[in-house]
């Protein structure tokens, strides 16, 4: 059985056009950032020492019965109807002892 290459030719051409357009847009953004002296979105500010000392602002809890996680802003257990089987997955970092 012979293949029918004309069926996929338009798909390849369209994908290549999309790829070229994305590459061109990326090149224009890069040139624009270089001209204005800005950094790209991939560069983030590092957290300050004060923010790191405070610990995480979110606590992640897991319930094996419900098979779900829940995020809270305080270290207190979530209060939801049903059994209280919440396990703390992430909390404040341990204190460093000198």
Protein backbone atom coordinates (compact mmCIF):
# COMPACT_ATOMS: atom_id res chain seq x y z
CA UNK A 1 0.00 0.00 0.00
CA UNK A 2 1.52 3.29 -1.06
CA UNK A 3 1.65 6.23 1.32
CA UNK A 4 -0.10 9.50 0.63
CA UNK A 5 2.45 12.22 1.45
CA UNK A 6 0.19 15.06 0.24
CA UNK A 7 -2.09 14.52 3.23
CA UNK A 8 0.55 15.54 5.79
CA UNK A 9 2.34 18.18 3.72
CA UNK A 10 -0.03 20.99 4.76
CA UNK A 11 0.28 20.03 8.43
CA UNK A 12 4.06 20.16 8.27
CA UNK A 13 3.96 23.49 6.46
CA UNK A 14 1.52 24.99 8.99
CA UNK A 15 3.56 23.76 11.96
CA UNK A 16 6.73 25.20 10.45
CA UNK A 17 5.01 28.57 9.88
CA UNK A 18 3.85 28.63 13.52
CA UNK A 19 7.35 27.71 14.70
CA UNK A 20 8.89 30.51 12.59
CA UNK A 21 6.37 33.04 13.90
CA UNK A 22 7.11 32.08 17.51
CA UNK A 23 10.85 32.26 16.90
CA UNK A 24 10.47 35.71 15.29
CA UNK A 25 8.31 37.00 18.17
CA UNK A 26 10.87 35.75 20.68
CA UNK A 27 13.68 37.43 18.75
CA UNK A 28 11.75 40.74 18.67
CA UNK A 29 11.07 40.58 22.44
CA UNK A 30 14.74 39.85 23.12
CA UNK A 31 15.86 42.81 20.98
CA UNK A 32 13.30 45.08 22.64
CA UNK A 33 14.50 44.10 26.13
CA UNK A 34 18.13 44.60 25.12
CA UNK A 35 17.35 48.06 23.74
CA UNK A 36 15.43 49.16 26.84
CA UNK A 37 17.86 47.57 29.30
CA UNK A 38 15.15 45.49 31.02
CA UNK A 39 15.60 41.90 32.07
CA UNK A 40 13.32 39.13 30.90
CA UNK A 41 10.45 37.56 32.81
CA UNK A 42 12.64 34.60 33.72
CA UNK A 43 14.67 36.76 36.12
CA UNK A 44 13.09 37.08 39.56
CA UNK A 45 14.20 38.92 42.65
CA UNK A 46 15.60 36.75 45.41
CA UNK A 47 13.68 36.78 48.68
CA UNK A 48 15.16 38.95 51.40
CA UNK A 49 16.71 37.50 54.54
CA UNK A 50 13.73 38.75 56.59
CA UNK A 51 11.26 36.86 54.41
CA UNK A 52 13.37 33.71 54.65
CA UNK A 53 13.63 34.02 58.45
CA UNK A 54 9.85 34.19 58.78
CA UNK A 55 9.47 30.76 57.22
CA UNK A 56 6.88 29.68 54.69
CA UNK A 57 3.71 31.68 54.44
CA UNK A 58 1.75 28.59 53.42
CA UNK A 59 1.27 25.26 55.14
CA UNK A 60 0.32 22.21 53.10
CA UNK A 61 -1.85 19.55 54.74
CA UNK A 62 -2.69 16.07 53.42
CA UNK A 63 -5.68 13.86 54.23
CA UNK A 64 -5.18 10.16 53.38
CA UNK A 65 -8.91 9.40 53.76
CA UNK A 66 -9.94 12.17 51.38
CA UNK A 67 -6.80 11.72 49.23
CA UNK A 68 -6.39 15.47 48.85
CA UNK A 69 -4.12 18.30 49.90
CA UNK A 70 -5.12 21.64 51.37
CA UNK A 71 -3.10 24.84 51.74
CA UNK A 72 -3.56 27.13 54.74
CA UNK A 73 -1.87 30.34 55.83
CA UNK A 74 -1.64 29.28 59.49
CA UNK A 75 -0.19 26.24 61.21
CA UNK A 76 -3.54 25.21 62.68
CA UNK A 77 -5.22 22.07 61.36
CA UNK A 78 -7.96 22.58 58.76
CA UNK A 79 -11.48 22.34 60.16
CA UNK A 80 -13.61 20.39 57.69
CA UNK A 81 -16.51 17.99 58.28
CA UNK A 82 -15.43 14.39 58.62
CA UNK A 83 -12.50 12.68 60.32
CA UNK A 84 -9.58 14.78 61.50
CA UNK A 85 -6.71 12.95 59.77
CA UNK A 86 -4.73 15.91 58.40
CA UNK A 87 -0.95 15.45 58.16
CA UNK A 88 1.33 18.48 57.81
CA UNK A 89 3.42 18.07 54.64
CA UNK A 90 5.31 21.37 54.66
CA UNK A 91 5.77 23.78 57.49
CA UNK A 92 8.36 26.14 58.86
CA UNK A 93 11.98 25.11 58.46
CA UNK A 94 13.68 23.70 61.56
CA UNK A 95 15.54 26.23 63.68
CA UNK A 96 19.28 26.18 63.19
CA UNK A 97 21.16 25.48 66.38
CA UNK A 98 24.51 27.27 66.73
